[in-house]
């Protein structure tokens, strides 16, 4: 491992991508009539990323990142 201040660059041909899960993206069962799924019972918590309510900002961030 190098010094923490060392800048590490990715190769020019490095391909970036993203991944999501339906539960994180769709949000709660109350949104847009989605209805309950097994994940609502299994997880019993709010959406992790809440992309449904932050889609414009999330897409803008992805565009900014290129």
PDB file of N, CA and C in Angstrom:
ATOM      1  N   UNK A   1       0.840  -1.177   0.000  1.00  0.00           N
ATOM      2  CA  UNK A   1       0.000   0.000   0.000  1.00  0.00           C
ATOM      3  C   UNK A   1       0.883   1.237   0.000  1.00  0.00           C
ATOM      4  N   UNK A   2       0.491   2.209  -0.790  1.00  0.00           N
ATOM      5  CA  UNK A   2       1.249   3.440  -0.884  1.00  0.00           C
ATOM      6  C   UNK A   2       0.809   4.448   0.162  1.00  0.00           C
ATOM      7  N   UNK A   3       1.413   5.590   0.099  1.00  0.00           N
ATOM      8  CA  UNK A   3       1.081   6.698   0.981  1.00  0.00           C
ATOM      9  C   UNK A   3      -0.369   7.115   0.758  1.00  0.00           C
ATOM     10  N   UNK A   4      -1.069   7.504   1.811  1.00  0.00           N
ATOM     11  CA  UNK A   4      -2.485   7.896   1.706  1.00  0.00           C
ATOM     12  C   UNK A   4      -2.681   9.098   0.795  1.00  0.00           C
ATOM     13  N   UNK A   5      -1.648   9.915   0.624  1.00  0.00           N
ATOM     14  CA  UNK A   5      -1.780  11.095  -0.235  1.00  0.00           C
ATOM     15  C   UNK A   5      -1.495  10.784  -1.699  1.00  0.00           C
ATOM     16  N   UNK A   6      -1.075   9.560  -1.993  1.00  0.00           N
ATOM     17  CA  UNK A   6      -0.764   9.156  -3.361  1.00  0.00           C
ATOM     18  C   UNK A   6      -2.027   9.133  -4.217  1.00  0.00           C
ATOM     19  N   UNK A   7      -1.980   9.748  -5.371  1.00  0.00           N
ATOM     20  CA  UNK A   7      -3.114   9.743  -6.290  1.00  0.00           C
ATOM     21  C   UNK A   7      -3.009   8.518  -7.178  1.00  0.00           C
ATOM     22  N   UNK A   8      -4.096   7.742  -7.228  1.00  0.00           N
ATOM     23  CA  UNK A   8      -4.103   6.539  -8.056  1.00  0.00           C
ATOM     24  C   UNK A   8      -5.126   6.745  -9.166  1.00  0.00           C
ATOM     25  N   UNK A   9      -4.707   6.578 -10.395  1.00  0.00           N
ATOM     26  CA  UNK A   9      -5.574   6.778 -11.543  1.00  0.00           C
ATOM     27  C   UNK A   9      -5.969   5.433 -12.131  1.00  0.00           C
ATOM     28  N   UNK A  10      -7.150   5.396 -12.684  1.00  0.00           N
ATOM     29  CA  UNK A  10      -7.602   4.188 -13.366  1.00  0.00           C
ATOM     30  C   UNK A  10      -7.142   4.232 -14.811  1.00  0.00           C
ATOM     31  N   UNK A  11      -6.892   3.090 -15.420  1.00  0.00           N
ATOM     32  CA  UNK A  11      -6.471   3.062 -16.825  1.00  0.00           C
ATOM     33  C   UNK A  11      -7.541   3.707 -17.714  1.00  0.00           C
ATOM     34  N   UNK A  12      -7.123   4.257 -18.838  1.00  0.00           N
ATOM     35  CA  UNK A  12      -8.059   4.914 -19.761  1.00  0.00           C
ATOM     36  C   UNK A  12      -9.152   3.964 -20.244  1.00  0.00           C
ATOM     37  N   UNK A  13      -8.848   2.669 -20.332  1.00  0.00           N
ATOM     38  CA  UNK A  13      -9.840   1.717 -20.837  1.00  0.00           C
ATOM     39  C   UNK A  13     -10.678   1.077 -19.717  1.00  0.00           C
ATOM     40  N   UNK A  14     -10.557   1.599 -18.490  1.00  0.00           N
ATOM     41  CA  UNK A  14     -11.336   1.073 -17.373  1.00  0.00           C
ATOM     42  C   UNK A  14     -12.813   1.405 -17.604  1.00  0.00           C
ATOM     43  N   UNK A  15     -13.679   0.412 -17.456  1.00  0.00           N
ATOM     44  CA  UNK A  15     -15.104   0.607 -17.685  1.00  0.00           C
ATOM     45  C   UNK A  15     -15.832   0.679 -16.354  1.00  0.00           C
ATOM     46  N   UNK A  16     -16.459   1.823 -16.084  1.00  0.00           N
ATOM     47  CA  UNK A  16     -17.221   2.019 -14.856  1.00  0.00           C
ATOM     48  C   UNK A  16     -18.643   1.522 -15.061  1.00  0.00           C
ATOM     49  N   UNK A  17     -19.290   1.105 -14.001  1.00  0.00           N
ATOM     50  CA  UNK A  17     -20.679   0.666 -14.064  1.00  0.00           C
ATOM     51  C   UNK A  17     -21.352   0.880 -12.720  1.00  0.00           C
ATOM     52  N   UNK A  18     -22.612   0.621 -12.674  1.00  0.00           N
ATOM     53  CA  UNK A  18     -23.370   0.728 -11.437  1.00  0.00           C
ATOM     54  C   UNK A  18     -24.243  -0.511 -11.278  1.00  0.00           C
ATOM     55  N   UNK A  19     -24.631  -0.778 -10.081  1.00  0.00           N
ATOM     56  CA  UNK A  19     -25.538  -1.885  -9.806  1.00  0.00           C
ATOM     57  C   UNK A  19     -26.574  -1.449  -8.776  1.00  0.00           C
ATOM     58  N   UNK A  20     -27.732  -2.005  -8.862  1.00  0.00           N
ATOM     59  CA  UNK A  20     -28.790  -1.664  -7.919  1.00  0.00           C
ATOM     60  C   UNK A  20     -29.563  -2.919  -7.554  1.00  0.00           C
ATOM     61  N   UNK A  21     -30.354  -2.809  -6.535  1.00  0.00           N
ATOM     62  CA  UNK A  21     -31.302  -3.866  -6.222  1.00  0.00           C
ATOM     63  C   UNK A  21     -32.692  -3.253  -6.234  1.00  0.00           C
ATOM     64  N   UNK A  22     -33.686  -4.032  -6.601  1.00  0.00           N
ATOM     65  CA  UNK A  22     -35.047  -3.513  -6.718  1.00  0.00           C
ATOM     66  C   UNK A  22     -35.510  -2.889  -5.407  1.00  0.00           C
ATOM     67  N   UNK A  23     -35.212  -3.530  -4.282  1.00  0.00           N
ATOM     68  CA  UNK A  23     -35.689  -3.003  -3.004  1.00  0.00           C
ATOM     69  C   UNK A  23     -35.130  -1.613  -2.740  1.00  0.00           C
ATOM     70  N   UNK A  24     -33.854  -1.388  -3.050  1.00  0.00           N
ATOM     71  CA  UNK A  24     -33.251  -0.077  -2.820  1.00  0.00           C
ATOM     72  C   UNK A  24     -33.831   0.972  -3.756  1.00  0.00           C
ATOM     73  N   UNK A  25     -34.119   0.608  -4.970  1.00  0.00           N
ATOM     74  CA  UNK A  25     -34.577   1.565  -5.966  1.00  0.00           C
ATOM     75  C   UNK A  25     -36.065   1.867  -5.837  1.00  0.00           C
ATOM     76  N   UNK A  26     -36.860   0.842  -5.619  1.00  0.00           N
ATOM     77  CA  UNK A  26     -38.313   1.032  -5.630  1.00  0.00           C
ATOM     78  C   UNK A  26     -38.826   1.802  -4.437  1.00  0.00           C
ATOM     79  N   UNK A  27     -38.163   1.728  -3.312  1.00  0.00           N
ATOM     80  CA  UNK A  27     -38.647   2.405  -2.125  1.00  0.00           C
ATOM     81  C   UNK A  27     -39.747   1.619  -1.448  1.00  0.00           C
ATOM     82  N   UNK A  28     -40.548   2.303  -0.666  1.00  0.00           N
ATOM     83  CA  UNK A  28     -41.572   1.648   0.130  1.00  0.00           C
ATOM     84  C   UNK A  28     -42.764   1.179  -0.677  1.00  0.00           C
ATOM     85  N   UNK A  29     -43.530   0.310  -0.061  1.00  0.00           N
ATOM     86  CA  UNK A  29     -44.701  -0.280  -0.707  1.00  0.00           C
ATOM     87  C   UNK A  29     -45.777   0.756  -0.999  1.00  0.00           C
ATOM     88  N   UNK A  30     -45.732   1.880  -0.337  1.00  0.00           N
ATOM     89  CA  UNK A  30     -46.761   2.903  -0.518  1.00  0.00           C
ATOM     90  C   UNK A  30     -46.561   3.762  -1.767  1.00  0.00           C
ATOM     91  N   UNK A  31     -45.403   3.671  -2.399  1.00  0.00           N
ATOM     92  CA  UNK A  31     -45.103   4.526  -3.553  1.00  0.00           C
ATOM     93  C   UNK A  31     -45.683   3.957  -4.839  1.00  0.00           C
ATOM     94  N   UNK A  32     -46.431   4.755  -5.548  1.00  0.00           N
ATOM     95  CA  UNK A  32     -46.928   4.417  -6.890  1.00  0.00           C
ATOM     96  C   UNK A  32     -47.685   3.096  -6.958  1.00  0.00           C
ATOM     97  N   UNK A  33     -48.270   2.678  -5.856  1.00  0.00           N
ATOM     98  CA  UNK A  33     -49.071   1.469  -5.864  1.00  0.00           C
ATOM     99  C   UNK A  33     -48.283   0.190  -6.031  1.00  0.00           C
ATOM    100  N   UNK A  34     -47.008   0.196  -5.668  1.00  0.00           N
ATOM    101  CA  UNK A  34     -46.164  -0.991  -5.836  1.00  0.00           C
ATOM    102  C   UNK A  34     -46.728  -2.189  -5.087  1.00  0.00           C
ATOM    103  N   UNK A  35     -47.228  -1.982  -3.900  1.00  0.00           N
ATOM    104  CA  UNK A  35     -47.707  -3.095  -3.090  1.00  0.00           C
ATOM    105  C   UNK A  35     -46.575  -3.749  -2.323  1.00  0.00           C
ATOM    106  N   UNK A  36     -46.931  -4.543  -1.336  1.00  0.00           N
ATOM    107  CA  UNK A  36     -45.928  -5.190  -0.487  1.00  0.00           C
ATOM    108  C   UNK A  36     -45.249  -6.342  -1.223  1.00  0.00           C
ATOM    109  N   UNK A  37     -44.008  -6.563  -0.878  1.00  0.00           N
ATOM    110  CA  UNK A  37     -43.270  -7.712  -1.389  1.00  0.00           C
ATOM    111  C   UNK A  37     -42.664  -8.444  -0.196  1.00  0.00           C
ATOM    112  N   UNK A  38     -42.060  -9.579  -0.453  1.00  0.00           N
ATOM    113  CA  UNK A  38     -41.426 -10.342   0.622  1.00  0.00           C
ATOM    114  C   UNK A  38     -40.333  -9.530   1.308  1.00  0.00           C
ATOM    115  N   UNK A  39     -39.691  -8.629   0.558  1.00  0.00           N
ATOM    116  CA  UNK A  39     -38.624  -7.813   1.136  1.00  0.00           C
ATOM    117  C   UNK A  39     -39.146  -6.832   2.169  1.00  0.00           C
ATOM    118  N   UNK A  40     -40.385  -6.365   2.010  1.00  0.00           N
ATOM    119  CA  UNK A  40     -40.954  -5.464   3.004  1.00  0.00           C
ATOM    120  C   UNK A  40     -41.060  -6.164   4.354  1.00  0.00           C
ATOM    121  N   UNK A  41     -41.404  -7.437   4.346  1.00  0.00           N
ATOM    122  CA  UNK A  41     -41.493  -8.200   5.585  1.00  0.00           C
ATOM    123  C   UNK A  41     -40.118  -8.635   6.082  1.00  0.00           C
ATOM    124  N   UNK A  42     -39.251  -9.051   5.171  1.00  0.00           N
ATOM    125  CA  UNK A  42     -37.926  -9.547   5.541  1.00  0.00           C
ATOM    126  C   UNK A  42     -37.052  -8.440   6.114  1.00  0.00           C
ATOM    127  N   UNK A  43     -36.993  -7.317   5.435  1.00  0.00           N
ATOM    128  CA  UNK A  43     -36.100  -6.234   5.828  1.00  0.00           C
ATOM    129  C   UNK A  43     -36.692  -5.357   6.920  1.00  0.00           C
ATOM    130  N   UNK A  44     -37.987  -5.072   6.830  1.00  0.00           N
ATOM    131  CA  UNK A  44     -38.698  -4.250   7.823  1.00  0.00           C
ATOM    132  C   UNK A  44     -37.969  -2.941   8.105  1.00  0.00           C
ATOM    133  N   UNK A  45     -37.458  -2.300   7.053  1.00  0.00           N
ATOM    134  CA  UNK A  45     -36.770  -1.017   7.192  1.00  0.00           C
ATOM    135  C   UNK A  45     -37.045  -0.190   5.952  1.00  0.00           C
ATOM    136  N   UNK A  46     -36.711   1.070   6.016  1.00  0.00           N
ATOM    137  CA  UNK A  46     -36.903   1.958   4.877  1.00  0.00           C
ATOM    138  C   UNK A  46     -35.932   1.647   3.762  1.00  0.00           C
ATOM    139  N   UNK A  47     -36.149   2.217   2.588  1.00  0.00           N
ATOM    140  CA  UNK A  47     -35.244   1.978   1.457  1.00  0.00           C
ATOM    141  C   UNK A  47     -33.846   2.522   1.748  1.00  0.00           C
ATOM    142  N   UNK A  48     -32.850   1.808   1.292  1.00  0.00           N
ATOM    143  CA  UNK A  48     -31.469   2.202   1.562  1.00  0.00           C
ATOM    144  C   UNK A  48     -31.065   3.445   0.782  1.00  0.00           C
ATOM    145  N   UNK A  49     -31.390   3.492  -0.496  1.00  0.00           N
ATOM    146  CA  UNK A  49     -30.950   4.604  -1.337  1.00  0.00           C
ATOM    147  C   UNK A  49     -32.075   5.587  -1.632  1.00  0.00           C
ATOM    148  N   UNK A  50     -33.307   5.165  -1.516  1.00  0.00           N
ATOM    149  CA  UNK A  50     -34.483   5.996  -1.773  1.00  0.00           C
ATOM    150  C   UNK A  50     -34.405   6.671  -3.139  1.00  0.00           C
ATOM    151  N   UNK A  51     -33.943   5.918  -4.130  1.00  0.00           N
ATOM    152  CA  UNK A  51     -33.764   6.448  -5.481  1.00  0.00           C
ATOM    153  C   UNK A  51     -35.069   6.990  -6.064  1.00  0.00           C
ATOM    154  N   UNK A  52     -36.195   6.402  -5.706  1.00  0.00           N
ATOM    155  CA  UNK A  52     -37.487   6.855  -6.252  1.00  0.00           C
ATOM    156  C   UNK A  52     -37.743   8.322  -5.927  1.00  0.00           C
ATOM    157  N   UNK A  53     -37.278   8.773  -4.780  1.00  0.00           N
ATOM    158  CA  UNK A  53     -37.485  10.166  -4.386  1.00  0.00           C
ATOM    159  C   UNK A  53     -36.291  11.065  -4.692  1.00  0.00           C
ATOM    160  N   UNK A  54     -35.189  10.477  -5.172  1.00  0.00           N
ATOM    161  CA  UNK A  54     -33.973  11.250  -5.463  1.00  0.00           C
ATOM    162  C   UNK A  54     -33.455  10.990  -6.873  1.00  0.00           C
ATOM    163  N   UNK A  55     -34.323  10.517  -7.746  1.00  0.00           N
ATOM    164  CA  UNK A  55     -33.895  10.091  -9.077  1.00  0.00           C
ATOM    165  C   UNK A  55     -33.208  11.209  -9.862  1.00  0.00           C
ATOM    166  N   UNK A  56     -33.759  12.411  -9.844  1.00  0.00           N
ATOM    167  CA  UNK A  56     -33.177  13.509 -10.627  1.00  0.00           C
ATOM    168  C   UNK A  56     -31.751  13.798 -10.154  1.00  0.00           C
ATOM    169  N   UNK A  57     -31.555  13.892  -8.844  1.00  0.00           N
ATOM    170  CA  UNK A  57     -30.221  14.168  -8.307  1.00  0.00           C
ATOM    171  C   UNK A  57     -29.272  12.995  -8.563  1.00  0.00           C
ATOM    172  N   UNK A  58     -29.769  11.759  -8.437  1.00  0.00           N
ATOM    173  CA  UNK A  58     -28.921  10.584  -8.679  1.00  0.00           C
ATOM    174  C   UNK A  58     -28.450  10.523 -10.124  1.00  0.00           C
ATOM    175  N   UNK A  59     -29.342  10.772 -11.064  1.00  0.00           N
ATOM    176  CA  UNK A  59     -28.968  10.743 -12.480  1.00  0.00           C
ATOM    177  C   UNK A  59     -28.008  11.887 -12.797  1.00  0.00           C
ATOM    178  N   UNK A  60     -28.225  13.059 -12.194  1.00  0.00           N
ATOM    179  CA  UNK A  60     -27.319  14.179 -12.404  1.00  0.00           C
ATOM    180  C   UNK A  60     -25.919  13.841 -11.891  1.00  0.00           C
ATOM    181  N   UNK A  61     -25.839  13.150 -10.754  1.00  0.00           N
ATOM    182  CA  UNK A  61     -24.540  12.747 -10.219  1.00  0.00           C
ATOM    183  C   UNK A  61     -23.847  11.763 -11.159  1.00  0.00           C
ATOM    184  N   UNK A  62     -24.600  10.794 -11.676  1.00  0.00           N
ATOM    185  CA  UNK A  62     -24.001   9.851 -12.623  1.00  0.00           C
ATOM    186  C   UNK A  62     -23.495  10.580 -13.874  1.00  0.00           C
ATOM    187  N   UNK A  63     -24.270  11.555 -14.363  1.00  0.00           N
ATOM    188  CA  UNK A  63     -23.830  12.321 -15.534  1.00  0.00           C
ATOM    189  C   UNK A  63     -22.565  13.103 -15.234  1.00  0.00           C
ATOM    190  N   UNK A  64     -22.496  13.692 -14.040  1.00  0.00           N
ATOM    191  CA  UNK A  64     -21.310  14.449 -13.639  1.00  0.00           C
ATOM    192  C   UNK A  64     -20.079  13.549 -13.558  1.00  0.00           C
ATOM    193  N   UNK A  65     -20.301  12.307 -13.114  1.00  0.00           N
ATOM    194  CA  UNK A  65     -19.187  11.366 -13.007  1.00  0.00           C
ATOM    195  C   UNK A  65     -18.739  10.818 -14.366  1.00  0.00           C
ATOM    196  N   UNK A  66     -19.587  11.041 -15.381  1.00  0.00           N
ATOM    197  CA  UNK A  66     -19.256  10.601 -16.727  1.00  0.00           C
ATOM    198  C   UNK A  66     -19.609   9.157 -16.966  1.00  0.00           C
TER     199      UNK A  66
END
